[in-house]
């Protein structure tokens, strides 16, 4: 089943605003570059899965853990930014986006052939 227009718009809005919040909050904290690569919102719009990438890649697990420990703070900051654009602020969970890691593994396998 494909995403509705509302789901896509909300996901894009959350991705943009959460990316800015994370960049501002984490600037210089962990020595890693963090970005929001993807946001998925289900049909009920009650939850947002925010996928995170980090450079260097080995810091990804710790970054996601830190974000999830302070998820209420990030949700509050997101609410302050988008409260006039949405009816309900979705719950947020951060997940590692390891698609770059998988792509690197595939490239390595192809190079080994």
PDB file of N, CA and C in Angstrom:
ATOM      1  N   UNK A   1       0.840  -1.171   0.000  1.00  0.00           N
ATOM      2  CA  UNK A   1       0.000   0.000   0.000  1.00  0.00           C
ATOM      3  C   UNK A   1       0.889   1.239   0.000  1.00  0.00           C
ATOM      4  N   UNK A   2       0.568   2.189  -0.866  1.00  0.00           N
ATOM      5  CA  UNK A   2       1.407   3.376  -0.966  1.00  0.00           C
ATOM      6  C   UNK A   2       0.983   4.440   0.040  1.00  0.00           C
ATOM      7  N   UNK A   3       1.887   5.354   0.267  1.00  0.00           N
ATOM      8  CA  UNK A   3       1.632   6.423   1.225  1.00  0.00           C
ATOM      9  C   UNK A   3       0.684   7.456   0.623  1.00  0.00           C
ATOM     10  N   UNK A   4      -0.146   8.039   1.479  1.00  0.00           N
ATOM     11  CA  UNK A   4      -1.046   9.096   1.027  1.00  0.00           C
ATOM     12  C   UNK A   4      -0.263  10.405   0.907  1.00  0.00           C
ATOM     13  N   UNK A   5      -0.889  11.376   0.303  1.00  0.00           N
ATOM     14  CA  UNK A   5      -0.262  12.690   0.143  1.00  0.00           C
ATOM     15  C   UNK A   5       0.005  13.315   1.513  1.00  0.00           C
ATOM     16  N   UNK A   6      -0.933  13.151   2.437  1.00  0.00           N
ATOM     17  CA  UNK A   6      -0.771  13.708   3.784  1.00  0.00           C
ATOM     18  C   UNK A   6       0.425  13.065   4.480  1.00  0.00           C
ATOM     19  N   UNK A   7       0.563  11.742   4.362  1.00  0.00           N
ATOM     20  CA  UNK A   7       1.701  11.051   4.973  1.00  0.00           C
ATOM     21  C   UNK A   7       3.012  11.569   4.398  1.00  0.00           C
ATOM     22  N   UNK A   8       3.070  11.716   3.089  1.00  0.00           N
ATOM     23  CA  UNK A   8       4.290  12.194   2.438  1.00  0.00           C
ATOM     24  C   UNK A   8       4.636  13.616   2.861  1.00  0.00           C
ATOM     25  N   UNK A   9       3.627  14.472   2.926  1.00  0.00           N
ATOM     26  CA  UNK A   9       3.877  15.866   3.328  1.00  0.00           C
ATOM     27  C   UNK A   9       4.342  15.957   4.776  1.00  0.00           C
ATOM     28  N   UNK A  10       3.691  15.189   5.651  1.00  0.00           N
ATOM     29  CA  UNK A  10       4.093  15.202   7.058  1.00  0.00           C
ATOM     30  C   UNK A  10       5.503  14.646   7.221  1.00  0.00           C
ATOM     31  N   UNK A  11       5.809  13.567   6.519  1.00  0.00           N
ATOM     32  CA  UNK A  11       7.150  12.982   6.598  1.00  0.00           C
ATOM     33  C   UNK A  11       8.209  13.970   6.121  1.00  0.00           C
ATOM     34  N   UNK A  12       7.927  14.663   5.037  1.00  0.00           N
ATOM     35  CA  UNK A  12       8.885  15.642   4.509  1.00  0.00           C
ATOM     36  C   UNK A  12       9.069  16.809   5.482  1.00  0.00           C
ATOM     37  N   UNK A  13       7.966  17.269   6.072  1.00  0.00           N
ATOM     38  CA  UNK A  13       8.035  18.359   7.048  1.00  0.00           C
ATOM     39  C   UNK A  13       8.854  17.946   8.270  1.00  0.00           C
ATOM     40  N   UNK A  14       8.588  16.752   8.784  1.00  0.00           N
ATOM     41  CA  UNK A  14       9.331  16.269   9.949  1.00  0.00           C
ATOM     42  C   UNK A  14      10.803  16.087   9.616  1.00  0.00           C
ATOM     43  N   UNK A  15      11.088  15.545   8.427  1.00  0.00           N
ATOM     44  CA  UNK A  15      12.483  15.346   8.024  1.00  0.00           C
ATOM     45  C   UNK A  15      13.236  16.673   7.983  1.00  0.00           C
ATOM     46  N   UNK A  16      12.629  17.672   7.403  1.00  0.00           N
ATOM     47  CA  UNK A  16      13.282  18.977   7.290  1.00  0.00           C
ATOM     48  C   UNK A  16      13.491  19.615   8.666  1.00  0.00           C
ATOM     49  N   UNK A  17      12.450  19.671   9.454  1.00  0.00           N
ATOM     50  CA  UNK A  17      12.537  20.349  10.752  1.00  0.00           C
ATOM     51  C   UNK A  17      13.403  19.570  11.747  1.00  0.00           C
ATOM     52  N   UNK A  18      13.252  18.255  11.776  1.00  0.00           N
ATOM     53  CA  UNK A  18      14.045  17.448  12.697  1.00  0.00           C
ATOM     54  C   UNK A  18      15.523  17.497  12.306  1.00  0.00           C
ATOM     55  N   UNK A  19      15.802  17.546  11.015  1.00  0.00           N
ATOM     56  CA  UNK A  19      17.189  17.683  10.563  1.00  0.00           C
ATOM     57  C   UNK A  19      17.827  18.958  11.094  1.00  0.00           C
ATOM     58  N   UNK A  20      17.082  20.054  11.025  1.00  0.00           N
ATOM     59  CA  UNK A  20      17.596  21.327  11.543  1.00  0.00           C
ATOM     60  C   UNK A  20      17.784  21.278  13.057  1.00  0.00           C
ATOM     61  N   UNK A  21      16.830  20.683  13.750  1.00  0.00           N
ATOM     62  CA  UNK A  21      16.917  20.592  15.213  1.00  0.00           C
ATOM     63  C   UNK A  21      18.140  19.779  15.624  1.00  0.00           C
ATOM     64  N   UNK A  22      18.320  18.639  14.998  1.00  0.00           N
ATOM     65  CA  UNK A  22      19.433  17.759  15.353  1.00  0.00           C
ATOM     66  C   UNK A  22      20.769  18.422  15.023  1.00  0.00           C
ATOM     67  N   UNK A  23      20.855  19.065  13.867  1.00  0.00           N
ATOM     68  CA  UNK A  23      22.106  19.743  13.504  1.00  0.00           C
ATOM     69  C   UNK A  23      22.439  20.830  14.524  1.00  0.00           C
ATOM     70  N   UNK A  24      21.449  21.582  14.924  1.00  0.00           N
ATOM     71  CA  UNK A  24      21.673  22.667  15.880  1.00  0.00           C
ATOM     72  C   UNK A  24      22.046  22.131  17.259  1.00  0.00           C
ATOM     73  N   UNK A  25      21.351  21.089  17.723  1.00  0.00           N
ATOM     74  CA  UNK A  25      21.575  20.543  19.055  1.00  0.00           C
ATOM     75  C   UNK A  25      22.886  19.777  19.179  1.00  0.00           C
ATOM     76  N   UNK A  26      23.225  19.026  18.158  1.00  0.00           N
ATOM     77  CA  UNK A  26      24.369  18.128  18.257  1.00  0.00           C
ATOM     78  C   UNK A  26      25.661  18.738  17.713  1.00  0.00           C
ATOM     79  N   UNK A  27      25.622  19.985  17.319  1.00  0.00           N
ATOM     80  CA  UNK A  27      26.802  20.614  16.735  1.00  0.00           C
ATOM     81  C   UNK A  27      27.992  20.529  17.684  1.00  0.00           C
ATOM     82  N   UNK A  28      28.995  19.802  17.299  1.00  0.00           N
ATOM     83  CA  UNK A  28      30.210  19.683  18.082  1.00  0.00           C
ATOM     84  C   UNK A  28      30.126  18.774  19.289  1.00  0.00           C
ATOM     85  N   UNK A  29      29.016  18.094  19.497  1.00  0.00           N
ATOM     86  CA  UNK A  29      28.870  17.267  20.694  1.00  0.00           C
ATOM     87  C   UNK A  29      29.629  15.952  20.600  1.00  0.00           C
ATOM     88  N   UNK A  30      29.443  15.230  19.531  1.00  0.00           N
ATOM     89  CA  UNK A  30      30.028  13.895  19.464  1.00  0.00           C
ATOM     90  C   UNK A  30      31.143  13.783  18.427  1.00  0.00           C
ATOM     91  N   UNK A  31      31.430  14.857  17.756  1.00  0.00           N
ATOM     92  CA  UNK A  31      32.462  14.800  16.730  1.00  0.00           C
ATOM     93  C   UNK A  31      32.002  14.061  15.488  1.00  0.00           C
ATOM     94  N   UNK A  32      30.703  13.857  15.341  1.00  0.00           N
ATOM     95  CA  UNK A  32      30.182  13.168  14.169  1.00  0.00           C
ATOM     96  C   UNK A  32      29.148  14.040  13.474  1.00  0.00           C
ATOM     97  N   UNK A  33      29.049  13.851  12.181  1.00  0.00           N
ATOM     98  CA  UNK A  33      28.069  14.553  11.370  1.00  0.00           C
ATOM     99  C   UNK A  33      26.806  13.710  11.333  1.00  0.00           C
ATOM    100  N   UNK A  34      25.686  14.272  11.743  1.00  0.00           N
ATOM    101  CA  UNK A  34      24.424  13.539  11.852  1.00  0.00           C
ATOM    102  C   UNK A  34      23.396  14.173  10.938  1.00  0.00           C
ATOM    103  N   UNK A  35      22.639  13.335  10.225  1.00  0.00           N
ATOM    104  CA  UNK A  35      21.572  13.855   9.382  1.00  0.00           C
ATOM    105  C   UNK A  35      20.375  12.909   9.389  1.00  0.00           C
ATOM    106  N   UNK A  36      19.235  13.451   9.034  1.00  0.00           N
ATOM    107  CA  UNK A  36      18.001  12.674   8.928  1.00  0.00           C
ATOM    108  C   UNK A  36      17.874  12.250   7.471  1.00  0.00           C
ATOM    109  N   UNK A  37      17.925  10.947   7.229  1.00  0.00           N
ATOM    110  CA  UNK A  37      17.893  10.460   5.857  1.00  0.00           C
ATOM    111  C   UNK A  37      16.497  10.132   5.367  1.00  0.00           C
ATOM    112  N   UNK A  38      15.606   9.753   6.278  1.00  0.00           N
ATOM    113  CA  UNK A  38      14.277   9.310   5.870  1.00  0.00           C
ATOM    114  C   UNK A  38      13.333   9.392   7.059  1.00  0.00           C
ATOM    115  N   UNK A  39      12.079   9.685   6.787  1.00  0.00           N
ATOM    116  CA  UNK A  39      11.035   9.648   7.814  1.00  0.00           C
ATOM    117  C   UNK A  39       9.861   8.868   7.253  1.00  0.00           C
ATOM    118  N   UNK A  40       9.367   7.925   8.025  1.00  0.00           N
ATOM    119  CA  UNK A  40       8.194   7.134   7.647  1.00  0.00           C
ATOM    120  C   UNK A  40       7.077   7.436   8.640  1.00  0.00           C
ATOM    121  N   UNK A  41       5.883   7.699   8.100  1.00  0.00           N
ATOM    122  CA  UNK A  41       4.717   7.991   8.925  1.00  0.00           C
ATOM    123  C   UNK A  41       3.607   7.037   8.508  1.00  0.00           C
ATOM    124  N   UNK A  42       3.018   6.293   9.454  1.00  0.00           N
ATOM    125  CA  UNK A  42       1.924   5.384   9.103  1.00  0.00           C
ATOM    126  C   UNK A  42       0.632   6.145   8.793  1.00  0.00           C
ATOM    127  N   UNK A  43      -0.376   5.435   8.337  1.00  0.00           N
ATOM    128  CA  UNK A  43      -1.637   6.045   7.912  1.00  0.00           C
ATOM    129  C   UNK A  43      -2.338   6.811   9.030  1.00  0.00           C
ATOM    130  N   UNK A  44      -2.190   6.379  10.290  1.00  0.00           N
ATOM    131  CA  UNK A  44      -2.869   7.086  11.382  1.00  0.00           C
ATOM    132  C   UNK A  44      -2.120   8.343  11.840  1.00  0.00           C
ATOM    133  N   UNK A  45      -0.949   8.590  11.299  1.00  0.00           N
ATOM    134  CA  UNK A  45      -0.128   9.781  11.567  1.00  0.00           C
ATOM    135  C   UNK A  45       0.267   9.920  13.030  1.00  0.00           C
ATOM    136  N   UNK A  46       0.215   8.832  13.779  1.00  0.00           N
ATOM    137  CA  UNK A  46       0.491   8.896  15.204  1.00  0.00           C
ATOM    138  C   UNK A  46       1.933   8.638  15.584  1.00  0.00           C
ATOM    139  N   UNK A  47       2.729   8.155  14.651  1.00  0.00           N
ATOM    140  CA  UNK A  47       4.118   7.794  14.948  1.00  0.00           C
ATOM    141  C   UNK A  47       4.990   8.177  13.757  1.00  0.00           C
ATOM    142  N   UNK A  48       6.156   8.678  14.035  1.00  0.00           N
ATOM    143  CA  UNK A  48       7.116   8.989  12.982  1.00  0.00           C
ATOM    144  C   UNK A  48       8.391   8.207  13.249  1.00  0.00           C
ATOM    145  N   UNK A  49       8.793   7.399  12.282  1.00  0.00           N
ATOM    146  CA  UNK A  49      10.067   6.686  12.370  1.00  0.00           C
ATOM    147  C   UNK A  49      11.098   7.532  11.643  1.00  0.00           C
ATOM    148  N   UNK A  50      12.058   8.029  12.395  1.00  0.00           N
ATOM    149  CA  UNK A  50      13.078   8.929  11.861  1.00  0.00           C
ATOM    150  C   UNK A  50      14.372   8.135  11.712  1.00  0.00           C
ATOM    151  N   UNK A  51      14.846   8.009  10.478  1.00  0.00           N
ATOM    152  CA  UNK A  51      16.067   7.253  10.197  1.00  0.00           C
ATOM    153  C   UNK A  51      17.249   8.213  10.124  1.00  0.00           C
ATOM    154  N   UNK A  52      18.308   7.850  10.847  1.00  0.00           N
ATOM    155  CA  UNK A  52      19.469   8.714  11.039  1.00  0.00           C
ATOM    156  C   UNK A  52      20.703   8.110  10.375  1.00  0.00           C
ATOM    157  N   UNK A  53      21.500   8.953   9.749  1.00  0.00           N
ATOM    158  CA  UNK A  53      22.826   8.557   9.275  1.00  0.00           C
ATOM    159  C   UNK A  53      23.851   9.374  10.038  1.00  0.00           C
ATOM    160  N   UNK A  54      25.040   8.804  10.187  1.00  0.00           N
ATOM    161  CA  UNK A  54      26.112   9.503  10.897  1.00  0.00           C
ATOM    162  C   UNK A  54      27.433   9.224  10.206  1.00  0.00           C
ATOM    163  N   UNK A  55      28.300  10.202  10.266  1.00  0.00           N
ATOM    164  CA  UNK A  55      29.657  10.033   9.765  1.00  0.00           C
ATOM    165  C   UNK A  55      30.603  10.474  10.858  1.00  0.00           C
ATOM    166  N   UNK A  56      31.512   9.684  11.311  1.00  0.00           N
ATOM    167  CA  UNK A  56      31.850   8.342  10.822  1.00  0.00           C
ATOM    168  C   UNK A  56      30.773   7.323  11.183  1.00  0.00           C
ATOM    169  N   UNK A  57      30.688   6.309  10.362  1.00  0.00           N
ATOM    170  CA  UNK A  57      29.631   5.313  10.458  1.00  0.00           C
ATOM    171  C   UNK A  57      29.634   4.557  11.785  1.00  0.00           C
ATOM    172  N   UNK A  58      30.804   4.396  12.386  1.00  0.00           N
ATOM    173  CA  UNK A  58      30.873   3.638  13.646  1.00  0.00           C
ATOM    174  C   UNK A  58      30.185   4.364  14.802  1.00  0.00           C
ATOM    175  N   UNK A  59      29.900   5.654  14.654  1.00  0.00           N
ATOM    176  CA  UNK A  59      29.223   6.427  15.697  1.00  0.00           C
ATOM    177  C   UNK A  59      27.700   6.316  15.608  1.00  0.00           C
ATOM    178  N   UNK A  60      27.191   5.672  14.573  1.00  0.00           N
ATOM    179  CA  UNK A  60      25.746   5.639  14.331  1.00  0.00           C
ATOM    180  C   UNK A  60      24.958   5.046  15.488  1.00  0.00           C
ATOM    181  N   UNK A  61      25.392   3.933  16.015  1.00  0.00           N
ATOM    182  CA  UNK A  61      24.674   3.287  17.110  1.00  0.00           C
ATOM    183  C   UNK A  61      24.562   4.174  18.337  1.00  0.00           C
ATOM    184  N   UNK A  62      25.652   4.805  18.709  1.00  0.00           N
ATOM    185  CA  UNK A  62      25.657   5.681  19.886  1.00  0.00           C
ATOM    186  C   UNK A  62      24.793   6.923  19.650  1.00  0.00           C
ATOM    187  N   UNK A  63      24.846   7.473  18.451  1.00  0.00           N
ATOM    188  CA  UNK A  63      24.053   8.660  18.131  1.00  0.00           C
ATOM    189  C   UNK A  63      22.564   8.348  18.244  1.00  0.00           C
ATOM    190  N   UNK A  64      22.136   7.230  17.668  1.00  0.00           N
ATOM    191  CA  UNK A  64      20.723   6.843  17.715  1.00  0.00           C
ATOM    192  C   UNK A  64      20.293   6.583  19.157  1.00  0.00           C
ATOM    193  N   UNK A  65      21.148   5.946  19.922  1.00  0.00           N
ATOM    194  CA  UNK A  65      20.850   5.694  21.332  1.00  0.00           C
ATOM    195  C   UNK A  65      20.678   7.007  22.095  1.00  0.00           C
ATOM    196  N   UNK A  66      21.580   7.956  21.868  1.00  0.00           N
ATOM    197  CA  UNK A  66      21.490   9.263  22.530  1.00  0.00           C
ATOM    198  C   UNK A  66      20.204   9.992  22.143  1.00  0.00           C
ATOM    199  N   UNK A  67      19.849   9.937  20.872  1.00  0.00           N
ATOM    200  CA  UNK A  67      18.631  10.604  20.413  1.00  0.00           C
ATOM    201  C   UNK A  67      17.391   9.985  21.056  1.00  0.00           C
ATOM    202  N   UNK A  68      17.350   8.661  21.124  1.00  0.00           N
ATOM    203  CA  UNK A  68      16.183   7.991  21.715  1.00  0.00           C
ATOM    204  C   UNK A  68      16.090   8.222  23.220  1.00  0.00           C
ATOM    205  N   UNK A  69      17.211   8.433  23.890  1.00  0.00           N
ATOM    206  CA  UNK A  69      17.180   8.738  25.317  1.00  0.00           C
ATOM    207  C   UNK A  69      16.551  10.108  25.579  1.00  0.00           C
ATOM    208  N   UNK A  70      16.675  11.014  24.631  1.00  0.00           N
ATOM    209  CA  UNK A  70      16.142  12.368  24.783  1.00  0.00           C
ATOM    210  C   UNK A  70      15.004  12.642  23.801  1.00  0.00           C
ATOM    211  N   UNK A  71      14.270  11.597  23.433  1.00  0.00           N
ATOM    212  CA  UNK A  71      13.243  11.727  22.395  1.00  0.00           C
ATOM    213  C   UNK A  71      12.165  12.730  22.778  1.00  0.00           C
ATOM    214  N   UNK A  72      11.814  12.808  24.050  1.00  0.00           N
ATOM    215  CA  UNK A  72      10.773  13.748  24.484  1.00  0.00           C
ATOM    216  C   UNK A  72      11.205  15.187  24.234  1.00  0.00           C
ATOM    217  N   UNK A  73      12.492  15.478  24.421  1.00  0.00           N
ATOM    218  CA  UNK A  73      13.003  16.830  24.200  1.00  0.00           C
ATOM    219  C   UNK A  73      12.958  17.194  22.717  1.00  0.00           C
ATOM    220  N   UNK A  74      13.335  16.240  21.858  1.00  0.00           N
ATOM    221  CA  UNK A  74      13.302  16.485  20.421  1.00  0.00           C
ATOM    222  C   UNK A  74      11.863  16.627  19.921  1.00  0.00           C
ATOM    223  N   UNK A  75      10.950  15.849  20.486  1.00  0.00           N
ATOM    224  CA  UNK A  75       9.541  15.958  20.102  1.00  0.00           C
ATOM    225  C   UNK A  75       8.984  17.323  20.516  1.00  0.00           C
ATOM    226  N   UNK A  76       9.381  17.798  21.678  1.00  0.00           N
ATOM    227  CA  UNK A  76       8.931  19.105  22.149  1.00  0.00           C
ATOM    228  C   UNK A  76       9.433  20.218  21.221  1.00  0.00           C
ATOM    229  N   UNK A  77      10.678  20.120  20.805  1.00  0.00           N
ATOM    230  CA  UNK A  77      11.238  21.128  19.897  1.00  0.00           C
ATOM    231  C   UNK A  77      10.584  21.053  18.521  1.00  0.00           C
ATOM    232  N   UNK A  78      10.291  19.830  18.083  1.00  0.00           N
ATOM    233  CA  UNK A  78       9.589  19.666  16.820  1.00  0.00           C
ATOM    234  C   UNK A  78       8.193  20.274  16.914  1.00  0.00           C
ATOM    235  N   UNK A  79       7.513  20.035  18.019  1.00  0.00           N
ATOM    236  CA  UNK A  79       6.166  20.572  18.222  1.00  0.00           C
ATOM    237  C   UNK A  79       6.165  22.098  18.157  1.00  0.00           C
ATOM    238  N   UNK A  80       7.179  22.709  18.729  1.00  0.00           N
ATOM    239  CA  UNK A  80       7.265  24.170  18.706  1.00  0.00           C
ATOM    240  C   UNK A  80       7.396  24.697  17.281  1.00  0.00           C
ATOM    241  N   UNK A  81       8.031  23.918  16.418  1.00  0.00           N
ATOM    242  CA  UNK A  81       8.242  24.358  15.040  1.00  0.00           C
ATOM    243  C   UNK A  81       7.050  24.085  14.125  1.00  0.00           C
ATOM    244  N   UNK A  82       6.340  22.985  14.352  1.00  0.00           N
ATOM    245  CA  UNK A  82       5.286  22.599  13.406  1.00  0.00           C
ATOM    246  C   UNK A  82       3.870  22.654  13.986  1.00  0.00           C
ATOM    247  N   UNK A  83       3.702  23.203  15.172  1.00  0.00           N
ATOM    248  CA  UNK A  83       2.391  23.163  15.840  1.00  0.00           C
ATOM    249  C   UNK A  83       1.287  23.850  15.039  1.00  0.00           C
ATOM    250  N   UNK A  84       1.610  24.831  14.230  1.00  0.00           N
ATOM    251  CA  UNK A  84       0.598  25.527  13.442  1.00  0.00           C
ATOM    252  C   UNK A  84       0.324  24.837  12.101  1.00  0.00           C
ATOM    253  N   UNK A  85       1.053  23.778  11.809  1.00  0.00           N
ATOM    254  CA  UNK A  85       0.903  23.097  10.518  1.00  0.00           C
ATOM    255  C   UNK A  85       0.234  21.733  10.627  1.00  0.00           C
ATOM    256  N   UNK A  86       0.183  21.170  11.831  1.00  0.00           N
ATOM    257  CA  UNK A  86      -0.422  19.847  12.024  1.00  0.00           C
ATOM    258  C   UNK A  86      -1.367  19.879  13.217  1.00  0.00           C
ATOM    259  N   UNK A  87      -2.312  18.938  13.221  1.00  0.00           N
ATOM    260  CA  UNK A  87      -3.258  18.866  14.335  1.00  0.00           C
ATOM    261  C   UNK A  87      -2.649  18.191  15.547  1.00  0.00           C
ATOM    262  N   UNK A  88      -1.920  17.109  15.299  1.00  0.00           N
ATOM    263  CA  UNK A  88      -1.348  16.328  16.389  1.00  0.00           C
ATOM    264  C   UNK A  88       0.121  16.059  16.091  1.00  0.00           C
ATOM    265  N   UNK A  89       0.953  16.237  17.078  1.00  0.00           N
ATOM    266  CA  UNK A  89       2.379  15.966  16.920  1.00  0.00           C
ATOM    267  C   UNK A  89       2.581  14.458  17.110  1.00  0.00           C
ATOM    268  N   UNK A  90       3.144  13.783  16.118  1.00  0.00           N
ATOM    269  CA  UNK A  90       3.320  12.331  16.249  1.00  0.00           C
ATOM    270  C   UNK A  90       4.410  11.969  17.259  1.00  0.00           C
ATOM    271  N   UNK A  91       4.290  10.776  17.813  1.00  0.00           N
ATOM    272  CA  UNK A  91       5.368  10.218  18.626  1.00  0.00           C
ATOM    273  C   UNK A  91       6.562  10.007  17.697  1.00  0.00           C
ATOM    274  N   UNK A  92       7.754  10.047  18.249  1.00  0.00           N
ATOM    275  CA  UNK A  92       8.958   9.923  17.424  1.00  0.00           C
ATOM    276  C   UNK A  92       9.836   8.798  17.956  1.00  0.00           C
ATOM    277  N   UNK A  93      10.396   8.040  17.056  1.00  0.00           N
ATOM    278  CA  UNK A  93      11.414   7.033  17.370  1.00  0.00           C
ATOM    279  C   UNK A  93      12.528   7.186  16.344  1.00  0.00           C
ATOM    280  N   UNK A  94      13.747   7.103  16.821  1.00  0.00           N
ATOM    281  CA  UNK A  94      14.907   7.208  15.948  1.00  0.00           C
ATOM    282  C   UNK A  94      15.445   5.814  15.647  1.00  0.00           C
ATOM    283  N   UNK A  95      15.823   5.597  14.396  1.00  0.00           N
ATOM    284  CA  UNK A  95      16.369   4.319  13.946  1.00  0.00           C
ATOM    285  C   UNK A  95      17.625   4.581  13.117  1.00  0.00           C
ATOM    286  N   UNK A  96      18.587   3.662  13.179  1.00  0.00           N
ATOM    287  CA  UNK A  96      19.776   3.831  12.339  1.00  0.00           C
ATOM    288  C   UNK A  96      19.455   3.511  10.887  1.00  0.00           C
ATOM    289  N   UNK A  97      19.940   4.326   9.985  1.00  0.00           N
ATOM    290  CA  UNK A  97      19.803   4.055   8.557  1.00  0.00           C
ATOM    291  C   UNK A  97      21.140   3.513   8.092  1.00  0.00           C
ATOM    292  N   UNK A  98      21.211   2.213   7.964  1.00  0.00           N
ATOM    293  CA  UNK A  98      22.467   1.587   7.569  1.00  0.00           C
ATOM    294  C   UNK A  98      22.480   1.204   6.098  1.00  0.00           C
ATOM    295  N   UNK A  99      21.714   1.911   5.278  1.00  0.00           N
ATOM    296  CA  UNK A  99      21.702   1.624   3.848  1.00  0.00           C
ATOM    297  C   UNK A  99      23.061   1.928   3.213  1.00  0.00           C
ATOM    298  N   UNK A 100      23.770   2.944   3.741  1.00  0.00           N
ATOM    299  CA  UNK A 100      25.100   3.234   3.213  1.00  0.00           C
ATOM    300  C   UNK A 100      26.070   2.096   3.531  1.00  0.00           C
ATOM    301  N   UNK A 101      25.936   1.528   4.715  1.00  0.00           N
ATOM    302  CA  UNK A 101      26.768   0.396   5.115  1.00  0.00           C
ATOM    303  C   UNK A 101      26.493  -0.808   4.205  1.00  0.00           C
ATOM    304  N   UNK A 102      25.225  -1.052   3.923  1.00  0.00           N
ATOM    305  CA  UNK A 102      24.851  -2.161   3.036  1.00  0.00           C
ATOM    306  C   UNK A 102      25.365  -1.923   1.621  1.00  0.00           C
ATOM    307  N   UNK A 103      25.271  -0.694   1.146  1.00  0.00           N
ATOM    308  CA  UNK A 103      25.778  -0.362  -0.190  1.00  0.00           C
ATOM    309  C   UNK A 103      27.294  -0.579  -0.257  1.00  0.00           C
ATOM    310  N   UNK A 104      27.987  -0.234   0.809  1.00  0.00           N
ATOM    311  CA  UNK A 104      29.440  -0.436   0.859  1.00  0.00           C
ATOM    312  C   UNK A 104      29.782  -1.921   0.816  1.00  0.00           C
ATOM    313  N   UNK A 105      28.998  -2.742   1.514  1.00  0.00           N
ATOM    314  CA  UNK A 105      29.222  -4.189   1.489  1.00  0.00           C
ATOM    315  C   UNK A 105      29.020  -4.748   0.078  1.00  0.00           C
ATOM    316  N   UNK A 106      27.989  -4.292  -0.581  1.00  0.00           N
ATOM    317  CA  UNK A 106      27.712  -4.739  -1.964  1.00  0.00           C
ATOM    318  C   UNK A 106      28.834  -4.322  -2.891  1.00  0.00           C
ATOM    319  N   UNK A 107      29.298  -3.096  -2.759  1.00  0.00           N
ATOM    320  CA  UNK A 107      30.417  -2.610  -3.582  1.00  0.00           C
ATOM    321  C   UNK A 107      31.669  -3.448  -3.337  1.00  0.00           C
ATOM    322  N   UNK A 108      31.922  -3.776  -2.089  1.00  0.00           N
ATOM    323  CA  UNK A 108      33.090  -4.583  -1.739  1.00  0.00           C
ATOM    324  C   UNK A 108      32.984  -5.971  -2.362  1.00  0.00           C
ATOM    325  N   UNK A 109      31.802  -6.565  -2.290  1.00  0.00           N
ATOM    326  CA  UNK A 109      31.591  -7.879  -2.888  1.00  0.00           C
ATOM    327  C   UNK A 109      31.787  -7.850  -4.410  1.00  0.00           C
ATOM    328  N   UNK A 110      31.302  -6.789  -5.040  1.00  0.00           N
ATOM    329  CA  UNK A 110      31.469  -6.654  -6.491  1.00  0.00           C
ATOM    330  C   UNK A 110      32.942  -6.447  -6.855  1.00  0.00           C
ATOM    331  N   UNK A 111      33.654  -5.684  -6.043  1.00  0.00           N
ATOM    332  CA  UNK A 111      35.069  -5.471  -6.293  1.00  0.00           C
ATOM    333  C   UNK A 111      35.875  -6.759  -6.148  1.00  0.00           C
ATOM    334  N   UNK A 112      35.435  -7.632  -5.229  1.00  0.00           N
ATOM    335  CA  UNK A 112      36.149  -8.878  -4.986  1.00  0.00           C
ATOM    336  C   UNK A 112      35.963  -9.892  -6.114  1.00  0.00           C
ATOM    337  N   UNK A 113      34.939  -9.704  -6.939  1.00  0.00           N
ATOM    338  CA  UNK A 113      34.689 -10.658  -8.037  1.00  0.00           C
ATOM    339  C   UNK A 113      35.703 -10.587  -9.131  1.00  0.00           C
TER     340      UNK A 113
END
